[in-house]
Amino acid sequence: MVNEFEIKKQMCDIGKRIYDRNMVAANDGNISVKLNDNEFLCTPTGVSKGFMTPEYICKVNAQGEVIQANPGFKPSSEIKMHMRVYQKRPDVGSVVHAHPIYATSFAIAGIPLTQPIMPEAVIALGCVPIAEYGTPSTNEIPDRLEKYLPYFDAVLLENHGALTWSTDLNAAYMKMESVEFYAQLLYQSKMLGGPKEFDEKNIEKLYAIRRKFGMAGKHPANLCLNKDKKNCHNCGACAGDDYKQFPGYQYDFVGKDTSAASTDGADAELIAKITKQVMEQLGVNK
């Protein structure tokens, strides 16, 4: 079993990776690791994740209360968000929060990451919805995050960033990388006229691969709330009856407006509108 000091070193390494990959700026972002049901390691508040050393890392209990912290350090102000994930998902061993540029741009524009455009994203991520905005460091974020936790392994945080979780620290971090890579590919493919998506048959083949691998976590391949469809990626109802409460719900998985009657001729206009939103948030002029 890896000892606490080694885990702290790993957290510092992941923090540096996040910082070096421009997934955070200044003191943004936070990381946590579950030791047992009542002990968790977490990054401190007010510290750049790119320059941490093991003595920076704090230990908290299941309520987010300090068990141990060196002088001058205290747990991240977002620890409530992490604790809610652990509370509702006992299979989770680590949580990563960051502000990756492309994924956060989609979160700001109110567009979830749900289009099936590459095998790795379909197999590893499933759909990435947007949790409604909450004030940082308050219970608003965990309260609004909670309804997504049983069904997803990554979410965008409206006007805030991204949150990923998995069985261990490396897996949670890799999921964050995957979310950002997926968002960047989706954005850039829209610049080239729109992505070509997998059809239902090919998505089901990818789901079968995931099931064969026995991959951990929640995923449409294992659980789909829309019982009338074979998969979530192109059914337009990834969270069943609650889907219309999600920011960006009006865009289904083939880029059509499902909040009102839509015609094929409106697709190009809708894609252009989505593209314009993302470009405005990135400060890019067409």
Protein backbone atom coordinates (compact mmCIF):
# COMPACT_ATOMS: atom_id res chain seq x y z
CA MET A 1 0.00 0.00 0.00
CA VAL A 2 1.32 3.45 -0.93
CA ASN A 3 2.06 5.56 2.16
CA GLU A 4 0.71 9.07 2.71
CA PHE A 5 3.95 10.82 1.87
CA GLU A 6 4.09 9.10 -1.53
CA ILE A 7 0.48 10.11 -2.21
CA LYS A 8 1.31 13.71 -1.30
CA LYS A 9 4.21 13.62 -3.76
CA GLN A 10 1.86 12.30 -6.44
CA MET A 11 -0.60 15.11 -5.72
CA CYS A 12 2.18 17.66 -6.18
CA ASP A 13 3.17 16.02 -9.45
CA ILE A 14 -0.41 16.08 -10.75
CA GLY A 15 -0.72 19.71 -9.62
CA LYS A 16 2.37 20.58 -11.68
CA ARG A 17 0.96 18.76 -14.70
CA ILE A 18 -2.30 20.67 -14.45
CA TYR A 19 -0.44 23.97 -14.14
CA ASP A 20 2.03 23.20 -16.95
CA ARG A 21 -0.82 22.23 -19.29
CA ASN A 22 -2.56 25.60 -18.71
CA MET A 23 -5.51 23.93 -17.03
CA VAL A 24 -5.28 26.43 -14.16
CA ALA A 25 -3.98 29.95 -13.65
CA ALA A 26 -2.44 31.44 -10.52
CA ASN A 27 -3.86 29.59 -7.48
CA ASP A 28 -6.84 27.98 -9.23
CA GLY A 29 -7.89 24.34 -9.02
CA ASN A 30 -7.81 21.69 -6.32
CA ILE A 31 -7.11 17.99 -5.88
CA SER A 32 -8.11 15.44 -3.27
CA VAL A 33 -7.43 11.77 -2.54
CA LYS A 34 -9.38 9.38 -0.32
CA LEU A 35 -7.29 7.47 2.24
CA ASN A 36 -10.20 5.78 3.99
CA ASP A 37 -13.83 6.56 4.84
CA ASN A 38 -12.87 9.38 7.21
CA GLU A 39 -9.47 10.60 6.02
CA PHE A 40 -8.77 12.57 2.86
CA LEU A 41 -5.76 14.47 1.56
CA CYS A 42 -6.37 17.75 -0.27
CA THR A 43 -4.47 20.64 -1.76
CA PRO A 44 -4.42 23.91 0.21
CA THR A 45 -6.16 27.14 -0.65
CA GLY A 46 -4.29 30.14 -2.00
CA VAL A 47 -1.38 28.16 -3.44
CA SER A 48 -0.34 27.62 -7.05
CA LYS A 49 -0.78 23.96 -7.92
CA GLY A 50 2.37 24.12 -10.03
CA PHE A 51 4.71 24.83 -7.11
CA MET A 52 3.55 22.57 -4.30
CA THR A 53 5.69 20.28 -2.15
CA PRO A 54 4.37 17.49 0.12
CA GLU A 55 4.28 19.63 3.27
CA TYR A 56 1.62 21.82 1.59
CA ILE A 57 -0.94 19.00 1.53
CA CYS A 58 -3.67 18.99 4.20
CA LYS A 59 -5.67 16.15 5.73
CA VAL A 60 -9.40 16.45 6.44
CA ASN A 61 -12.21 14.22 7.67
CA ALA A 62 -15.42 13.29 5.85
CA GLN A 63 -16.98 16.62 6.88
CA GLY A 64 -14.08 18.56 5.41
CA GLU A 65 -12.75 19.49 8.86
CA VAL A 66 -9.00 19.73 9.35
CA ILE A 67 -7.25 16.72 10.82
CA GLN A 68 -3.75 17.93 10.04
CA ALA A 69 -2.28 20.94 8.24
CA ASN A 70 1.09 22.60 8.56
CA PRO A 71 1.25 26.26 9.71
CA GLY A 72 0.27 28.64 6.93
CA PHE A 73 -1.83 26.10 5.05
CA LYS A 74 -5.53 25.28 5.17
CA PRO A 75 -7.71 23.05 2.97
CA SER A 76 -9.08 24.25 -0.34
CA SER A 77 -12.19 26.39 -0.03
CA GLU A 78 -13.82 23.98 -2.53
CA ILE A 79 -13.44 20.94 -0.26
CA LYS A 80 -17.26 20.76 0.15
CA MET A 81 -17.54 19.88 -3.54
CA HIS A 82 -15.03 17.06 -3.19
CA MET A 83 -16.66 15.66 -0.06
CA ARG A 84 -20.05 15.50 -1.77
CA VAL A 85 -18.55 13.36 -4.53
CA TYR A 86 -17.04 10.94 -2.02
CA GLN A 87 -20.29 10.84 -0.05
CA LYS A 88 -22.43 9.91 -3.05
CA ARG A 89 -19.89 7.81 -4.91
CA PRO A 90 -18.15 5.32 -2.59
CA ASP A 91 -16.30 3.88 -5.60
CA VAL A 92 -14.38 7.15 -6.06
CA GLY A 93 -10.82 7.47 -4.76
CA SER A 94 -9.82 10.89 -6.09
CA VAL A 95 -11.34 14.15 -7.36
CA VAL A 96 -9.73 16.79 -9.60
CA HIS A 97 -11.02 20.31 -10.25
CA ALA A 98 -9.45 22.58 -12.87
CA HIS A 99 -10.22 25.36 -15.35
CA PRO A 100 -9.07 23.90 -18.70
CA ILE A 101 -9.50 26.54 -21.41
CA TYR A 102 -11.64 24.71 -23.97
CA ALA A 103 -13.80 22.76 -21.53
CA THR A 104 -14.36 25.87 -19.41
CA SER A 105 -15.30 27.82 -22.55
CA PHE A 106 -18.04 25.28 -23.25
CA ALA A 107 -19.15 25.58 -19.61
CA ILE A 108 -19.33 29.37 -19.96
CA ALA A 109 -21.25 29.09 -23.22
CA GLY A 110 -23.70 26.63 -21.65
CA ILE A 111 -22.92 23.78 -24.06
CA PRO A 112 -22.46 20.26 -22.60
CA LEU A 113 -19.95 17.85 -24.14
CA THR A 114 -22.21 15.17 -25.56
CA GLN A 115 -21.48 14.75 -29.26
CA PRO A 116 -20.03 11.33 -30.22
CA ILE A 117 -17.02 12.37 -32.31
CA MET A 118 -14.15 10.07 -31.32
CA PRO A 119 -13.93 6.50 -29.95
CA GLU A 120 -11.85 7.36 -26.88
CA ALA A 121 -14.33 9.98 -25.66
CA VAL A 122 -17.34 7.71 -26.16
CA ILE A 123 -15.67 4.77 -24.42
CA ALA A 124 -13.90 6.56 -21.55
CA LEU A 125 -16.02 9.63 -20.80
CA GLY A 126 -19.57 9.07 -21.89
CA CYS A 127 -21.49 12.33 -21.76
CA VAL A 128 -20.25 15.38 -19.84
CA PRO A 129 -23.20 17.52 -18.66
CA ILE A 130 -23.14 20.99 -17.12
CA ALA A 131 -23.91 21.40 -13.42
CA GLU A 132 -25.75 24.65 -12.79
CA TYR A 133 -23.78 27.59 -11.44
CA GLY A 134 -23.08 27.84 -7.73
CA THR A 135 -21.06 30.30 -5.70
CA PRO A 136 -17.54 28.93 -5.10
CA SER A 137 -16.73 27.72 -1.57
CA THR A 138 -20.43 27.45 -0.63
CA ASN A 139 -22.79 24.48 -0.55
CA GLU A 140 -24.42 25.74 -3.75
CA ILE A 141 -21.94 23.87 -5.96
CA PRO A 142 -22.17 20.47 -4.22
CA ASP A 143 -25.96 20.79 -3.98
CA ARG A 144 -26.26 21.41 -7.72
CA LEU A 145 -23.65 18.79 -8.53
CA GLU A 146 -25.29 16.02 -6.54
CA LYS A 147 -27.96 14.96 -9.04
CA TYR A 148 -25.28 14.24 -11.66
CA LEU A 149 -23.06 12.09 -9.47
CA PRO A 150 -24.88 8.73 -9.86
CA TYR A 151 -24.72 8.87 -13.65
CA PHE A 152 -21.51 10.58 -14.76
CA ASP A 153 -17.77 10.61 -14.07
CA ALA A 154 -17.12 14.18 -15.22
CA VAL A 155 -19.08 17.42 -15.32
CA LEU A 156 -18.61 20.94 -16.51
CA LEU A 157 -19.35 23.55 -13.85
CA GLU A 158 -21.36 26.39 -15.34
CA ASN A 159 -19.22 29.55 -15.68
CA HIS A 160 -16.56 27.91 -13.55
CA GLY A 161 -14.55 24.96 -14.86
CA ALA A 162 -14.55 21.17 -14.88
CA LEU A 163 -14.66 18.41 -12.27
CA THR A 164 -13.59 14.80 -12.74
CA TRP A 165 -13.42 11.83 -10.41
CA SER A 166 -12.30 8.21 -10.59
CA THR A 167 -10.90 5.27 -8.67
CA ASP A 168 -7.48 6.82 -8.05
CA LEU A 169 -5.55 10.06 -8.51
CA ASN A 170 -3.98 9.25 -11.86
CA ALA A 171 -7.28 8.07 -13.33
CA ALA A 172 -9.09 11.21 -12.14
CA TYR A 173 -6.40 13.41 -13.67
CA MET A 174 -6.41 11.48 -16.96
CA LYS A 175 -10.14 11.99 -17.15
CA MET A 176 -9.57 15.75 -16.86
CA GLU A 177 -7.09 15.57 -19.73
CA SER A 178 -9.65 13.63 -21.77
CA VAL A 179 -12.38 16.19 -21.09
CA GLU A 180 -10.16 19.03 -22.26
CA PHE A 181 -8.92 17.16 -25.35
CA TYR A 182 -12.50 16.27 -26.28
CA ALA A 183 -13.60 19.89 -25.85
CA GLN A 184 -10.73 21.18 -27.98
CA LEU A 185 -11.46 18.71 -30.78
CA LEU A 186 -15.15 19.54 -30.70
CA TYR A 187 -14.43 23.28 -30.85
CA GLN A 188 -11.93 22.98 -33.69
CA SER A 189 -14.10 20.61 -35.72
CA LYS A 190 -16.90 23.18 -35.50
CA MET A 191 -14.49 25.69 -37.03
CA LEU A 192 -14.12 23.31 -39.98
CA GLY A 193 -17.82 23.04 -40.68
CA GLY A 194 -19.05 20.74 -37.94
CA PRO A 195 -18.02 17.31 -36.62
CA LYS A 196 -19.06 14.06 -38.27
CA GLU A 197 -20.69 12.02 -35.54
CA PHE A 198 -20.94 8.28 -35.01
CA ASP A 199 -24.32 6.75 -35.72
CA GLU A 200 -26.22 4.66 -33.22
CA LYS A 201 -24.82 1.36 -34.50
CA ASN A 202 -21.21 2.44 -34.13
CA ILE A 203 -21.84 3.93 -30.69
CA GLU A 204 -23.28 0.63 -29.52
CA LYS A 205 -20.11 -1.12 -30.77
CA LEU A 206 -18.01 1.28 -28.70
CA TYR A 207 -20.22 0.68 -25.66
CA ALA A 208 -19.70 -3.06 -26.12
CA ILE A 209 -15.94 -2.51 -26.05
CA ARG A 210 -16.24 -0.62 -22.77
CA ARG A 211 -18.33 -3.38 -21.24
CA LYS A 212 -15.81 -5.97 -22.42
CA PHE A 213 -12.97 -4.06 -20.74
CA GLY A 214 -14.95 -3.89 -17.50
CA MET A 215 -14.00 -0.25 -17.01
CA ALA A 216 -14.78 1.35 -13.64
CA GLY A 217 -17.19 4.23 -13.17
CA LYS A 218 -20.59 5.29 -14.48
CA HIS A 219 -21.28 5.44 -18.19
CA PRO A 220 -24.19 5.21 -20.66
CA ALA A 221 -22.87 1.76 -21.61
CA ASN A 222 -23.70 0.56 -18.10
CA LEU A 223 -26.60 2.80 -17.14
CA CYS A 224 -28.84 4.93 -19.33
CA LEU A 225 -31.72 6.84 -17.78
CA ASN A 226 -33.45 7.10 -21.13
CA LYS A 227 -34.99 3.64 -21.24
CA ASP A 228 -36.51 4.11 -24.69
CA LYS A 229 -33.16 4.44 -26.46
CA LYS A 230 -30.15 2.17 -26.91
CA ASN A 231 -27.58 4.75 -25.92
CA CYS A 232 -27.20 8.23 -24.48
CA HIS A 233 -24.87 9.77 -27.00
CA ASN A 234 -27.49 10.30 -29.69
CA CYS A 235 -30.77 9.97 -27.85
CA GLY A 236 -30.95 13.56 -26.62
CA ALA A 237 -32.09 12.60 -23.13
CA CYS A 238 -29.01 11.67 -21.17
CA ALA A 239 -30.68 12.34 -17.83
CA GLY A 240 -34.20 11.21 -18.60
CA ASP A 241 -37.00 13.49 -17.41
CA ASP A 242 -34.52 15.79 -15.69
CA TYR A 243 -32.56 16.46 -18.88
CA LYS A 244 -34.39 19.69 -19.69
CA GLN A 245 -33.16 21.15 -16.44
CA PHE A 246 -29.58 20.93 -17.69
CA PRO A 247 -27.97 24.07 -19.14
CA GLY A 248 -27.68 23.60 -22.88
CA TYR A 249 -30.38 20.93 -22.97
CA GLN A 250 -31.80 22.44 -26.15
CA TYR A 251 -28.91 20.97 -28.12
CA ASP A 252 -29.25 17.27 -28.67
CA PHE A 253 -26.36 15.03 -29.59
CA VAL A 254 -26.51 15.75 -33.30
CA GLY A 255 -26.52 19.51 -32.88
CA LYS A 256 -30.24 20.04 -33.38
CA ASP A 257 -32.59 22.21 -31.38
CA THR A 258 -34.90 19.85 -29.47
CA SER A 259 -36.56 22.53 -27.35
CA ALA A 260 -38.83 23.39 -30.27
CA ALA A 261 -39.64 22.06 -33.74
CA SER A 262 -36.47 21.94 -35.81
CA THR A 263 -35.80 21.42 -39.49
CA ASP A 264 -32.68 20.22 -41.21
CA GLY A 265 -32.25 23.61 -42.82
CA ALA A 266 -31.79 25.20 -39.40
CA ASP A 267 -28.82 23.00 -38.48
CA ALA A 268 -26.18 25.16 -40.11
CA GLU A 269 -27.55 28.26 -38.44
CA LEU A 270 -27.58 26.54 -35.04
CA ILE A 271 -24.00 25.30 -35.40
CA ALA A 272 -22.96 28.83 -36.36
CA LYS A 273 -24.68 30.15 -33.24
CA ILE A 274 -22.91 27.64 -31.00
CA THR A 275 -19.59 28.44 -32.64
CA LYS A 276 -20.13 32.16 -32.17
CA GLN A 277 -20.84 31.67 -28.44
CA VAL A 278 -17.64 29.70 -27.90
CA MET A 279 -15.55 32.13 -29.96
CA GLU A 280 -16.89 35.11 -28.02
CA GLN A 281 -15.95 33.48 -24.73
CA LEU A 282 -12.47 32.71 -26.05
CA GLY A 283 -12.09 36.28 -27.29
CA VAL A 284 -11.64 35.12 -30.87
CA ASN A 285 -13.06 37.28 -33.65
CA LYS A 286 -14.28 35.54 -36.75
